[in-house]
Amino acid sequence: MELKLNEMKWFRFSAEGTTPHSYSSNPVSNHSFFIEKVSETKVTWITSDSCLTSPTYTYERTPIATTPTEIKYNLWNSDLIGNPPPSDNGYYIKLISGNPNIIIRFE
């Protein structure tokens, strides 16, 4: 993904293909979201609870681990579309400075 300053790259998560813990009906099984980047590049991950209509309520997600080249975030059950109730959450990555080329992944 290539980012540009002052531009929002929107995306959503899907629960398709995820497996629950054997003791839970939660479709998320310790999944994480990763941003791979060049060292010295600064990016942030933003959540909006109403991306389908307007990004009125947004907040910056806090990483659970960081290295110079990777940022790791927890995924919550509410992050995935298709869960009851259906999530309207949307996400975007904001480039603060550095190299605009990043890789995102969901594990």
Protein backbone atom coordinates (compact mmCIF):
# COMPACT_ATOMS: atom_id res chain seq x y z
CA MET A 1 0.00 0.00 0.00
CA GLU A 2 1.34 3.43 -0.81
CA LEU A 3 0.27 6.26 1.46
CA LYS A 4 0.18 10.00 0.82
CA LEU A 5 0.36 12.78 3.37
CA ASN A 6 -3.12 14.02 4.36
CA GLU A 7 -4.86 11.11 2.60
CA MET A 8 -6.88 8.37 4.31
CA LYS A 9 -6.55 4.78 3.03
CA TRP A 10 -9.76 3.10 4.26
CA PHE A 11 -10.20 -0.64 4.79
CA ARG A 12 -12.28 -3.11 6.83
CA PHE A 13 -11.70 -6.53 8.38
CA SER A 14 -13.77 -9.65 7.75
CA ALA A 15 -14.27 -12.58 10.12
CA GLU A 16 -14.34 -14.98 7.17
CA GLY A 17 -11.85 -17.76 7.69
CA THR A 18 -11.25 -17.04 11.38
CA THR A 19 -11.71 -19.76 13.96
CA PRO A 20 -13.01 -19.29 17.50
CA HIS A 21 -11.46 -20.60 20.67
CA SER A 22 -13.00 -23.95 21.53
CA TYR A 23 -14.54 -22.47 24.70
CA SER A 24 -15.91 -19.28 23.12
CA SER A 25 -18.41 -18.17 20.49
CA ASN A 26 -16.11 -15.20 19.75
CA PRO A 27 -15.04 -15.46 16.06
CA VAL A 28 -11.70 -13.77 16.81
CA SER A 29 -8.98 -16.07 18.05
CA ASN A 30 -6.17 -13.81 19.22
CA HIS A 31 -5.81 -12.11 15.86
CA SER A 32 -3.56 -9.14 15.34
CA PHE A 33 -3.09 -6.38 12.79
CA PHE A 34 0.43 -5.48 11.64
CA ILE A 35 1.90 -2.51 9.79
CA GLU A 36 5.30 -3.16 8.24
CA LYS A 37 7.25 -0.02 7.37
CA VAL A 38 10.69 1.36 6.71
CA SER A 39 12.61 2.39 9.82
CA GLU A 40 12.04 6.07 10.72
CA THR A 41 8.63 6.08 8.98
CA LYS A 42 5.83 7.23 11.27
CA VAL A 43 2.27 6.03 10.71
CA THR A 44 -0.81 5.66 12.87
CA TRP A 45 -3.87 3.42 12.69
CA ILE A 46 -7.24 5.15 13.12
CA THR A 47 -10.65 3.60 13.85
CA SER A 48 -13.94 5.23 12.89
CA ASP A 49 -17.22 3.82 14.17
CA SER A 50 -19.26 5.24 11.30
CA CYS A 51 -17.10 5.04 8.20
CA LEU A 52 -20.05 4.09 6.02
CA THR A 53 -21.67 7.47 6.60
CA SER A 54 -18.94 9.82 7.79
CA PRO A 55 -15.76 9.59 9.85
CA THR A 56 -17.32 11.51 12.73
CA TYR A 57 -15.99 9.54 15.67
CA THR A 58 -12.39 8.48 15.25
CA TYR A 59 -9.63 7.47 17.58
CA GLU A 60 -6.04 6.38 17.28
CA ARG A 61 -5.39 2.76 18.16
CA THR A 62 -2.62 1.98 20.62
CA PRO A 63 -0.08 -0.63 19.52
CA ILE A 64 0.74 -3.61 21.73
CA ALA A 65 4.27 -3.94 20.32
CA THR A 66 6.56 -1.89 18.12
CA THR A 67 9.92 -2.27 16.44
CA PRO A 68 11.59 0.18 14.07
CA THR A 69 10.02 -1.70 11.13
CA GLU A 70 6.75 -3.16 12.48
CA ILE A 71 3.78 -2.09 14.57
CA LYS A 72 1.44 -4.70 16.08
CA TYR A 73 -2.13 -4.09 17.27
CA ASN A 74 -4.75 -6.29 18.95
CA LEU A 75 -7.94 -6.92 17.02
CA TRP A 76 -11.20 -6.82 18.93
CA ASN A 77 -14.35 -8.75 18.11
CA SER A 78 -16.01 -5.45 17.15
CA ASP A 79 -13.30 -4.86 14.51
CA LEU A 80 -14.67 -7.58 12.24
CA ILE A 81 -17.63 -7.08 9.91
CA GLY A 82 -20.33 -9.70 9.89
CA ASN A 83 -20.36 -10.18 13.65
CA PRO A 84 -23.69 -9.62 15.43
CA PRO A 85 -24.45 -6.80 15.42
CA PRO A 86 -22.86 -5.95 12.07
CA SER A 87 -19.95 -3.59 12.56
CA ASP A 88 -19.85 -0.25 10.77
CA ASN A 89 -16.25 0.21 11.87
CA GLY A 90 -13.79 1.37 9.26
CA TYR A 91 -10.08 1.91 9.55
CA TYR A 92 -7.46 4.00 7.92
CA ILE A 93 -3.74 4.44 8.13
CA LYS A 94 -2.31 7.92 8.31
CA LEU A 95 1.22 8.70 7.14
CA ILE A 96 2.88 11.17 9.51
CA SER A 97 6.36 11.16 7.96
CA GLY A 98 8.84 8.97 6.09
CA ASN A 99 8.54 6.39 3.34
CA PRO A 100 4.95 6.12 2.03
CA ASN A 101 5.20 2.39 1.17
CA ILE A 102 3.89 0.05 3.86
CA ILE A 103 2.61 -3.50 4.10
CA ILE A 104 -0.42 -4.39 6.23
CA ARG A 105 -1.39 -7.87 7.35
CA PHE A 106 -3.95 -9.62 9.55
CA GLU A 107 -2.97 -12.76 11.48
